[in-house]
N, C-alpha and C. Protein backbone atom coordinates (compact mmCIF):
# COMPACT_ATOMS: atom_id res chain seq x y z
N MET A 1 -13.55 -0.86 7.42
CA MET A 1 -13.41 0.99 7.37
C MET A 1 -14.32 1.45 8.49
N ASN A 2 -13.59 2.34 8.85
CA ASN A 2 -14.45 3.15 9.99
C ASN A 2 -14.67 4.49 9.23
N THR A 3 -15.70 5.13 9.69
CA THR A 3 -15.62 6.38 9.17
C THR A 3 -16.43 7.46 10.03
N SER A 4 -16.40 8.90 9.84
CA SER A 4 -16.97 9.65 10.68
C SER A 4 -18.45 9.50 10.69
N ALA A 5 -19.26 10.16 11.24
CA ALA A 5 -20.79 9.90 11.16
C ALA A 5 -21.14 10.38 9.79
N GLU A 6 -20.86 11.74 9.26
CA GLU A 6 -21.11 12.02 8.27
C GLU A 6 -20.15 11.91 6.82
N ILE A 7 -20.60 11.11 5.49
CA ILE A 7 -19.19 11.30 4.60
C ILE A 7 -19.90 11.83 3.34
N ASP A 8 -20.96 12.50 3.34
CA ASP A 8 -21.54 13.08 1.95
C ASP A 8 -20.25 14.11 1.46
N LYS A 9 -19.01 14.68 2.46
CA LYS A 9 -18.19 15.45 1.34
C LYS A 9 -17.11 15.11 1.27
N ILE A 10 -16.50 14.00 2.06
CA ILE A 10 -15.55 13.22 1.93
C ILE A 10 -15.58 12.29 0.52
N VAL A 11 -16.49 11.53 0.65
CA VAL A 11 -16.80 10.30 -0.42
C VAL A 11 -16.20 10.87 -1.86
N PRO A 12 -17.02 12.30 -2.60
CA PRO A 12 -16.86 12.44 -3.57
C PRO A 12 -15.35 13.35 -3.78
N ALA A 13 -14.75 13.83 -2.72
CA ALA A 13 -13.31 14.04 -2.96
C ALA A 13 -12.47 12.86 -2.95
N PHE A 14 -12.47 11.79 -2.14
CA PHE A 14 -11.98 10.75 -1.97
C PHE A 14 -12.03 9.97 -3.33
N VAL A 15 -13.41 9.78 -4.10
CA VAL A 15 -13.45 9.15 -5.37
C VAL A 15 -12.75 10.07 -6.57
N ALA A 16 -12.67 11.28 -6.41
CA ALA A 16 -12.12 12.11 -7.39
C ALA A 16 -10.33 11.88 -7.15
N VAL A 17 -9.83 11.53 -6.04
CA VAL A 17 -8.54 10.79 -5.66
C VAL A 17 -8.26 9.63 -6.56
N LEU A 18 -9.29 8.85 -6.34
CA LEU A 18 -8.85 7.57 -6.80
C LEU A 18 -8.98 7.95 -8.34
N SER A 19 -9.54 8.37 -9.09
CA SER A 19 -10.12 8.11 -10.21
C SER A 19 -9.05 8.70 -10.95
N GLY A 20 -8.06 9.35 -10.40
CA GLY A 20 -6.72 10.15 -10.76
C GLY A 20 -5.64 9.43 -10.65
N LEU A 21 -5.16 8.64 -9.48
CA LEU A 21 -4.62 8.34 -8.61
C LEU A 21 -3.40 6.77 -9.80
N ASN A 22 -2.50 6.93 -10.04
CA ASN A 22 -1.27 5.93 -10.54
C ASN A 22 -0.68 5.38 -9.70
N ASN A 23 -0.19 4.23 -9.99
CA ASN A 23 0.73 3.57 -9.15
C ASN A 23 1.94 4.14 -8.93
N PRO A 24 2.91 4.33 -7.50
CA PRO A 24 3.65 4.64 -7.43
C PRO A 24 4.92 4.07 -8.19
N VAL A 25 6.03 4.59 -8.46
CA VAL A 25 7.30 4.45 -9.41
C VAL A 25 7.90 3.42 -8.37
N PHE A 26 8.58 2.43 -8.85
CA PHE A 26 9.37 1.50 -8.06
C PHE A 26 10.50 1.90 -7.98
N ASP A 27 10.53 2.60 -6.86
CA ASP A 27 11.80 3.35 -6.54
C ASP A 27 13.26 2.61 -5.60
N SER A 28 12.93 1.37 -5.07
CA SER A 28 13.94 0.82 -4.42
C SER A 28 13.54 -0.96 -4.81
N ILE A 29 14.73 -1.31 -4.39
CA ILE A 29 14.93 -2.78 -4.69
C ILE A 29 15.39 -3.65 -3.39
N ASN A 30 14.62 -4.52 -2.75
CA ASN A 30 14.89 -5.94 -1.51
C ASN A 30 16.18 -6.36 -1.78
N PRO A 31 17.15 -6.45 -1.12
CA PRO A 31 18.37 -6.85 -1.68
C PRO A 31 18.20 -8.30 -1.29
N PHE A 32 17.35 -8.61 -0.51
CA PHE A 32 17.30 -10.36 -0.37
C PHE A 32 16.59 -11.06 -1.35
N HIS A 33 15.30 -10.45 -1.45
CA HIS A 33 14.58 -11.02 -2.83
C HIS A 33 14.69 -10.75 -4.17
N LYS A 34 15.41 -9.26 -4.25
CA LYS A 34 15.80 -8.79 -5.56
C LYS A 34 14.31 -8.21 -6.02
N ASN A 35 13.52 -8.02 -5.77
CA ASN A 35 12.32 -7.55 -6.16
C ASN A 35 12.62 -5.99 -6.09
N ARG A 36 11.42 -5.45 -7.03
CA ARG A 36 11.24 -4.12 -7.03
C ARG A 36 10.24 -3.61 -6.01
N TYR A 37 10.14 -2.37 -5.66
CA TYR A 37 8.82 -1.75 -5.10
C TYR A 37 8.93 -0.42 -4.56
N ALA A 38 7.64 0.18 -4.48
CA ALA A 38 7.83 1.87 -4.20
C ALA A 38 8.24 1.41 -2.34
N SER A 39 8.96 2.55 -2.34
CA SER A 39 9.23 3.18 -0.58
C SER A 39 8.27 3.42 -0.40
N LEU A 40 8.06 3.74 1.49
CA LEU A 40 7.27 4.63 1.71
C LEU A 40 7.18 6.07 1.06
N ALA A 41 8.51 6.60 1.42
CA ALA A 41 8.77 7.97 0.94
C ALA A 41 8.34 8.34 -0.88
N GLY A 42 8.22 7.38 -1.91
CA GLY A 42 7.96 7.08 -3.05
C GLY A 42 6.54 7.31 -3.21
N VAL A 43 5.52 6.14 -2.03
CA VAL A 43 4.18 6.35 -1.95
C VAL A 43 3.81 7.99 -1.72
N ARG A 44 4.55 8.31 -0.49
CA ARG A 44 3.88 9.37 0.07
C ARG A 44 4.01 10.86 -0.98
N ASN A 45 5.57 10.70 -1.47
CA ASN A 45 5.57 11.58 -2.76
C ASN A 45 4.58 11.92 -3.40
N LEU A 46 3.67 10.49 -3.88
CA LEU A 46 3.09 10.60 -4.93
C LEU A 46 1.57 10.79 -4.49
N VAL A 47 1.27 10.41 -3.45
CA VAL A 47 -0.22 10.49 -2.98
C VAL A 47 -0.53 11.92 -2.27
N VAL A 48 0.43 12.53 -1.33
CA VAL A 48 -0.12 13.53 -0.56
C VAL A 48 -0.55 14.67 -1.39
N PRO A 49 0.42 15.00 -2.25
CA PRO A 49 -0.10 16.37 -3.25
C PRO A 49 -1.74 15.97 -4.17
N VAL A 50 -1.73 14.66 -4.33
CA VAL A 50 -3.12 14.55 -4.94
C VAL A 50 -4.31 14.29 -3.85
N LEU A 51 -4.18 14.04 -2.92
CA LEU A 51 -4.81 14.34 -1.57
C LEU A 51 -5.19 15.64 -1.33
N ALA A 52 -3.79 16.24 -1.17
CA ALA A 52 -4.29 17.83 -1.05
C ALA A 52 -5.12 18.29 -1.87
N SER A 53 -4.89 18.01 -3.21
CA SER A 53 -5.42 18.96 -4.27
C SER A 53 -7.24 18.95 -3.97
N LYS A 54 -7.27 17.90 -3.52
CA LYS A 54 -9.18 17.82 -3.32
C LYS A 54 -9.28 17.73 -1.77
N GLY A 55 -8.64 18.52 -1.07
CA GLY A 55 -9.10 19.25 0.28
C GLY A 55 -8.95 17.70 1.18
N LEU A 56 -7.73 16.90 0.92
CA LEU A 56 -7.72 15.64 1.97
C LEU A 56 -6.34 15.48 2.24
N ALA A 57 -6.13 14.73 3.68
CA ALA A 57 -4.91 14.73 4.04
C ALA A 57 -4.78 13.32 4.56
N VAL A 58 -3.46 12.78 4.74
CA VAL A 58 -3.40 11.40 5.20
C VAL A 58 -2.69 11.40 6.90
N SER A 59 -3.31 10.65 7.79
CA SER A 59 -2.53 10.76 8.95
C SER A 59 -2.28 9.15 9.20
N GLN A 60 -1.50 8.60 9.88
CA GLN A 60 -1.26 7.36 10.32
C GLN A 60 -0.59 7.13 11.72
N SER A 61 -1.57 6.03 12.33
CA SER A 61 -0.83 5.64 13.76
C SER A 61 -0.29 4.40 13.92
N LEU A 62 0.41 4.00 14.75
CA LEU A 62 1.14 3.00 14.77
C LEU A 62 0.80 2.56 16.49
N SER A 63 0.16 1.38 16.65
CA SER A 63 0.39 0.70 18.00
C SER A 63 0.62 -0.94 17.83
N THR A 64 1.07 -1.50 19.06
CA THR A 64 0.99 -2.80 18.84
C THR A 64 0.05 -3.73 19.58
N ASN A 65 0.20 -5.28 18.91
CA ASN A 65 -0.66 -6.16 19.58
C ASN A 65 0.06 -7.32 19.41
N GLU A 66 -1.27 -8.33 19.70
CA GLU A 66 -0.42 -9.41 19.87
C GLU A 66 0.40 -10.39 18.23
N HIS A 67 -0.27 -9.62 17.26
CA HIS A 67 0.40 -10.12 15.92
C HIS A 67 1.25 -8.77 15.36
N GLY A 68 1.84 -8.02 16.22
CA GLY A 68 2.74 -7.08 15.53
C GLY A 68 2.81 -5.64 15.46
N VAL A 69 3.28 -4.87 15.12
CA VAL A 69 2.73 -3.50 14.60
C VAL A 69 1.85 -3.37 14.23
N VAL A 70 0.81 -2.19 14.06
CA VAL A 70 -0.62 -2.31 13.98
C VAL A 70 -0.37 -0.78 13.26
N CYS A 71 -0.78 -0.37 11.94
CA CYS A 71 -1.08 0.80 11.42
C CYS A 71 -2.34 0.60 10.70
N LYS A 72 -2.75 2.36 11.28
CA LYS A 72 -4.07 2.66 11.15
C LYS A 72 -3.99 3.74 9.92
N THR A 73 -4.62 3.79 9.10
CA THR A 73 -4.50 5.33 8.03
C THR A 73 -5.96 5.63 7.97
N ARG A 74 -5.74 7.00 8.11
CA ARG A 74 -7.05 8.00 8.34
C ARG A 74 -6.60 8.82 7.27
N ILE A 75 -7.86 9.02 6.12
CA ILE A 75 -7.98 9.81 5.17
C ILE A 75 -9.09 11.16 5.74
N LEU A 76 -8.63 12.23 6.13
CA LEU A 76 -9.04 13.57 6.79
C LEU A 76 -9.83 14.62 5.43
N HIS A 77 -10.63 15.37 5.85
CA HIS A 77 -11.47 15.87 4.78
C HIS A 77 -11.37 17.50 5.39
N VAL A 78 -11.01 18.50 4.81
CA VAL A 78 -11.27 19.66 5.51
C VAL A 78 -12.44 19.99 5.78
N SER A 79 -13.78 19.12 5.62
CA SER A 79 -14.98 19.48 6.51
C SER A 79 -14.84 18.87 7.93
N GLY A 80 -13.75 17.96 8.04
CA GLY A 80 -13.49 17.16 9.38
C GLY A 80 -14.20 15.81 9.34
N GLN A 81 -14.73 15.41 7.87
CA GLN A 81 -15.41 14.03 7.83
C GLN A 81 -13.79 13.17 7.80
N TRP A 82 -13.95 11.73 7.96
CA TRP A 82 -12.82 11.06 7.75
C TRP A 82 -13.25 9.69 7.53
N LEU A 83 -11.81 9.06 6.91
CA LEU A 83 -12.33 7.37 6.67
C LEU A 83 -10.94 6.89 7.15
N GLU A 84 -11.03 5.54 7.86
CA GLU A 84 -10.11 5.04 8.31
C GLU A 84 -10.15 3.77 7.87
N SER A 85 -8.97 3.07 7.50
CA SER A 85 -8.69 1.53 7.65
C SER A 85 -8.93 1.03 9.05
N ASP A 86 -8.91 -0.14 8.84
CA ASP A 86 -9.44 -1.41 10.31
C ASP A 86 -7.80 -1.36 10.89
N GLY A 87 -6.93 -1.23 10.06
CA GLY A 87 -5.67 -1.35 10.52
C GLY A 87 -4.84 -2.73 9.83
N PHE A 88 -3.47 -2.69 9.76
CA PHE A 88 -2.64 -3.71 9.26
C PHE A 88 -1.62 -4.11 10.12
N ALA A 89 -1.63 -5.07 10.46
CA ALA A 89 -0.87 -5.70 11.39
C ALA A 89 0.49 -6.35 10.45
N VAL A 90 1.81 -6.19 11.25
CA VAL A 90 2.81 -6.83 10.55
C VAL A 90 3.92 -7.39 11.72
N PRO A 91 3.99 -8.63 11.85
CA PRO A 91 4.85 -9.02 12.60
C PRO A 91 6.21 -8.59 12.83
N VAL A 92 6.75 -8.46 14.43
CA VAL A 92 8.32 -8.02 14.42
C VAL A 92 9.14 -9.04 14.51
N ASN A 93 10.03 -9.35 13.27
CA ASN A 93 10.55 -10.40 13.13
C ASN A 93 12.03 -10.36 14.02
N LYS A 94 12.42 -9.00 14.04
CA LYS A 94 13.73 -9.22 15.34
C LYS A 94 13.31 -7.95 16.29
N ALA A 95 13.07 -8.42 17.43
CA ALA A 95 13.10 -7.49 18.78
C ALA A 95 13.75 -6.69 19.60
N ASP A 96 13.94 -5.49 18.22
CA ASP A 96 14.81 -4.53 18.93
C ASP A 96 14.02 -3.35 18.03
N SER A 97 14.82 -2.07 18.07
CA SER A 97 14.22 -1.04 17.65
C SER A 97 14.17 -1.09 15.91
N GLN A 98 15.29 -1.46 15.20
CA GLN A 98 15.27 -2.18 13.93
C GLN A 98 14.19 -2.74 13.50
N GLY A 99 13.82 -3.79 14.41
CA GLY A 99 12.54 -4.67 13.64
C GLY A 99 11.25 -4.17 14.10
N ALA A 100 11.46 -3.18 14.94
CA ALA A 100 10.05 -2.51 15.11
C ALA A 100 9.94 -1.11 14.05
N ALA A 101 11.09 -0.79 13.61
CA ALA A 101 11.02 0.18 12.37
C ALA A 101 10.50 -0.14 11.45
N ALA A 102 11.49 -1.59 11.21
CA ALA A 102 11.02 -2.36 9.76
C ALA A 102 9.77 -2.63 9.42
N ALA A 103 8.83 -2.91 10.60
CA ALA A 103 7.55 -3.57 10.79
C ALA A 103 6.63 -2.48 10.53
N SER A 104 7.04 -0.97 10.94
CA SER A 104 6.32 -0.37 11.21
C SER A 104 6.52 0.31 9.55
N THR A 105 7.37 0.64 9.07
CA THR A 105 7.33 1.27 7.56
C THR A 105 6.73 0.34 6.97
N TYR A 106 6.74 -1.05 6.98
CA TYR A 106 6.09 -1.90 6.28
C TYR A 106 4.66 -1.91 6.13
N ALA A 107 4.28 -1.73 7.79
CA ALA A 107 2.59 -1.66 8.01
C ALA A 107 2.08 -0.18 7.28
N ARG A 108 3.02 0.95 7.26
CA ARG A 108 2.40 2.33 6.88
C ARG A 108 2.39 2.32 5.69
N ARG A 109 3.47 1.62 4.75
CA ARG A 109 3.33 1.56 3.22
C ARG A 109 2.23 0.66 2.45
N TYR A 110 1.96 -0.34 3.07
CA TYR A 110 0.88 -1.63 2.97
C TYR A 110 -0.39 -1.33 3.17
N ASP A 111 -0.41 -0.26 4.46
CA ASP A 111 -1.93 0.14 4.57
C ASP A 111 -2.23 1.21 3.67
N LEU A 112 -1.60 2.11 3.65
CA LEU A 112 -1.43 3.28 2.97
C LEU A 112 -2.00 2.83 1.01
N GLN A 113 -1.22 2.21 1.06
CA GLN A 113 -1.52 1.63 -0.76
C GLN A 113 -2.57 1.09 -0.34
N ALA A 114 -3.27 -0.01 0.22
CA ALA A 114 -4.20 -0.76 -0.03
C ALA A 114 -5.35 0.41 0.25
N GLY A 115 -5.40 1.37 1.15
CA GLY A 115 -6.39 2.04 1.36
C GLY A 115 -6.95 3.10 0.13
N LEU A 116 -5.88 3.07 -0.73
CA LEU A 116 -5.73 3.92 -2.16
C LEU A 116 -6.11 3.00 -3.43
N GLY A 117 -6.08 1.99 -2.91
CA GLY A 117 -6.16 0.95 -4.09
C GLY A 117 -4.50 1.00 -5.09
N ILE A 118 -3.49 1.25 -4.60
CA ILE A 118 -2.70 1.03 -5.44
C ILE A 118 -1.60 -0.11 -5.20
N GLY A 119 -0.72 -0.28 -6.25
CA GLY A 119 0.34 -1.21 -6.13
C GLY A 119 1.89 -1.05 -5.97
N GLY A 120 2.24 -1.33 -5.09
CA GLY A 120 3.70 -0.26 -5.19
C GLY A 120 4.78 -1.50 -5.07
N GLU A 121 4.78 -2.93 -5.95
CA GLU A 121 5.53 -3.80 -5.74
C GLU A 121 5.37 -4.73 -7.06
N ASP A 122 6.49 -5.59 -7.39
CA ASP A 122 5.89 -6.46 -8.60
C ASP A 122 5.13 -7.26 -8.07
N ASP A 123 4.11 -7.94 -9.02
CA ASP A 123 3.22 -8.91 -8.95
C ASP A 123 3.43 -10.43 -9.26
N ASP A 124 3.92 -11.01 -8.24
CA ASP A 124 4.53 -12.37 -8.54
C ASP A 124 3.34 -13.53 -8.74
N ASP A 125 1.83 -13.01 -8.30
CA ASP A 125 1.19 -13.80 -8.51
C ASP A 125 1.04 -14.93 -7.42
N GLY A 126 1.48 -14.02 -6.25
CA GLY A 126 1.69 -15.06 -5.06
C GLY A 126 2.68 -16.44 -4.66
N GLU A 127 3.62 -15.90 -5.60
CA GLU A 127 4.73 -17.51 -5.78
C GLU A 127 5.11 -17.12 -4.65
N ALA A 128 5.72 -16.19 -3.76
CA ALA A 128 6.67 -15.60 -3.01
C ALA A 128 5.99 -16.07 -1.85
N ALA A 129 4.53 -16.01 -1.55
CA ALA A 129 3.94 -16.26 -0.10
C ALA A 129 3.64 -17.95 -0.42
N MET A 130 3.70 -18.69 -1.54
CA MET A 130 4.02 -20.02 -1.33
C MET A 130 5.51 -20.71 -1.02
N GLY A 131 6.27 -19.91 -1.27
CA GLY A 131 7.77 -20.27 -0.78
C GLY A 131 8.45 -20.92 -2.03
N ARG A 132 7.67 -20.47 -3.20
CA ARG A 132 8.55 -20.92 -4.47
C ARG A 132 9.37 -19.83 -4.81
N PRO A 133 10.85 -20.16 -5.14
CA PRO A 133 11.61 -19.09 -6.40
C PRO A 133 11.15 -18.53 -7.12
N LYS A 134 11.54 -17.44 -7.84
CA LYS A 134 10.89 -16.93 -8.99
C LYS A 134 11.15 -17.83 -10.09
N GLY A 135 10.34 -17.97 -11.15
CA GLY A 135 10.31 -18.59 -11.99
C GLY A 135 10.09 -20.08 -12.36
N THR A 136 9.14 -20.47 -11.19
CA THR A 136 9.00 -21.99 -10.76
C THR A 136 7.47 -22.01 -10.50
N ALA A 137 6.60 -21.45 -10.89
CA ALA A 137 5.30 -21.41 -10.75
C ALA A 137 4.40 -22.68 -11.59
N LYS A 138 3.79 -23.46 -10.55
CA LYS A 138 3.02 -24.84 -11.16
C LYS A 138 2.09 -24.23 -12.02
N GLY A 139 2.19 -24.94 -13.30
CA GLY A 139 1.30 -24.86 -14.07
C GLY A 139 1.03 -23.43 -15.05
N ALA A 140 2.07 -22.78 -14.76
CA ALA A 140 2.60 -21.54 -15.60
C ALA A 140 3.14 -21.86 -16.64
N THR A 141 2.78 -21.23 -17.60
CA THR A 141 3.26 -21.90 -19.06
C THR A 141 3.45 -20.02 -19.90
N LYS A 142 4.57 -19.85 -20.28
CA LYS A 142 4.38 -18.43 -21.20
C LYS A 142 3.86 -18.87 -22.70
N VAL A 143 3.18 -18.21 -22.98
CA VAL A 143 2.90 -18.40 -24.50
C VAL A 143 3.16 -17.09 -25.35
N PRO A 144 4.44 -17.41 -25.94
CA PRO A 144 4.61 -16.20 -27.01
C PRO A 144 3.42 -15.72 -27.67
N LEU A 145 3.83 -14.29 -27.97
CA LEU A 145 2.73 -13.24 -28.79
C LEU A 145 2.88 -14.02 -30.39
N ALA A 146 1.50 -14.09 -30.74
CA ALA A 146 1.33 -14.41 -32.23
C ALA A 146 1.81 -13.34 -33.22
N ALA A 147 2.44 -13.25 -34.18
CA ALA A 147 2.85 -12.31 -35.03
C ALA A 147 1.58 -12.03 -36.01
N PRO A 148 1.52 -10.63 -35.72
CA PRO A 148 -0.17 -9.85 -36.15
C PRO A 148 -0.37 -10.53 -37.79
N SER A 149 -1.68 -11.07 -37.88
CA SER A 149 -1.92 -11.39 -39.32
C SER A 149 -2.28 -10.50 -40.26
N ASP A 150 -2.32 -10.59 -41.60
CA ASP A 150 -2.60 -9.16 -42.32
C ASP A 150 -4.10 -9.57 -42.66
């Protein structure tokens, strides 16, 4: 994380935002994986008013490197102080404007969520990253809830 030289005004405002911020509503469904997630618009609709109520704003910049599209998110305070992410890179899977736009949206959504400590998608406990379909977790067992005892 990068910061302005002074952070004595932004930190209390940022802490106040984080203490009252909820996870966004899952307002979208990925048609390929069928998982639910919060869209970039949904995340922004949630966080921008909360940030503004504490004198904060969010700005995001995009660039590219050898890893793909990179988003850096900066939280700005009315005092001029700021906090900025190191950046989140997303590969561009399709070498055209649609691929770049998809990677940009994904990078913006995830960098913003990470910086604010919110989750905007179903948690599959890393199963998709392991290449396993839903419901095939190794070693996972469902334990039924016991009936309350008297």
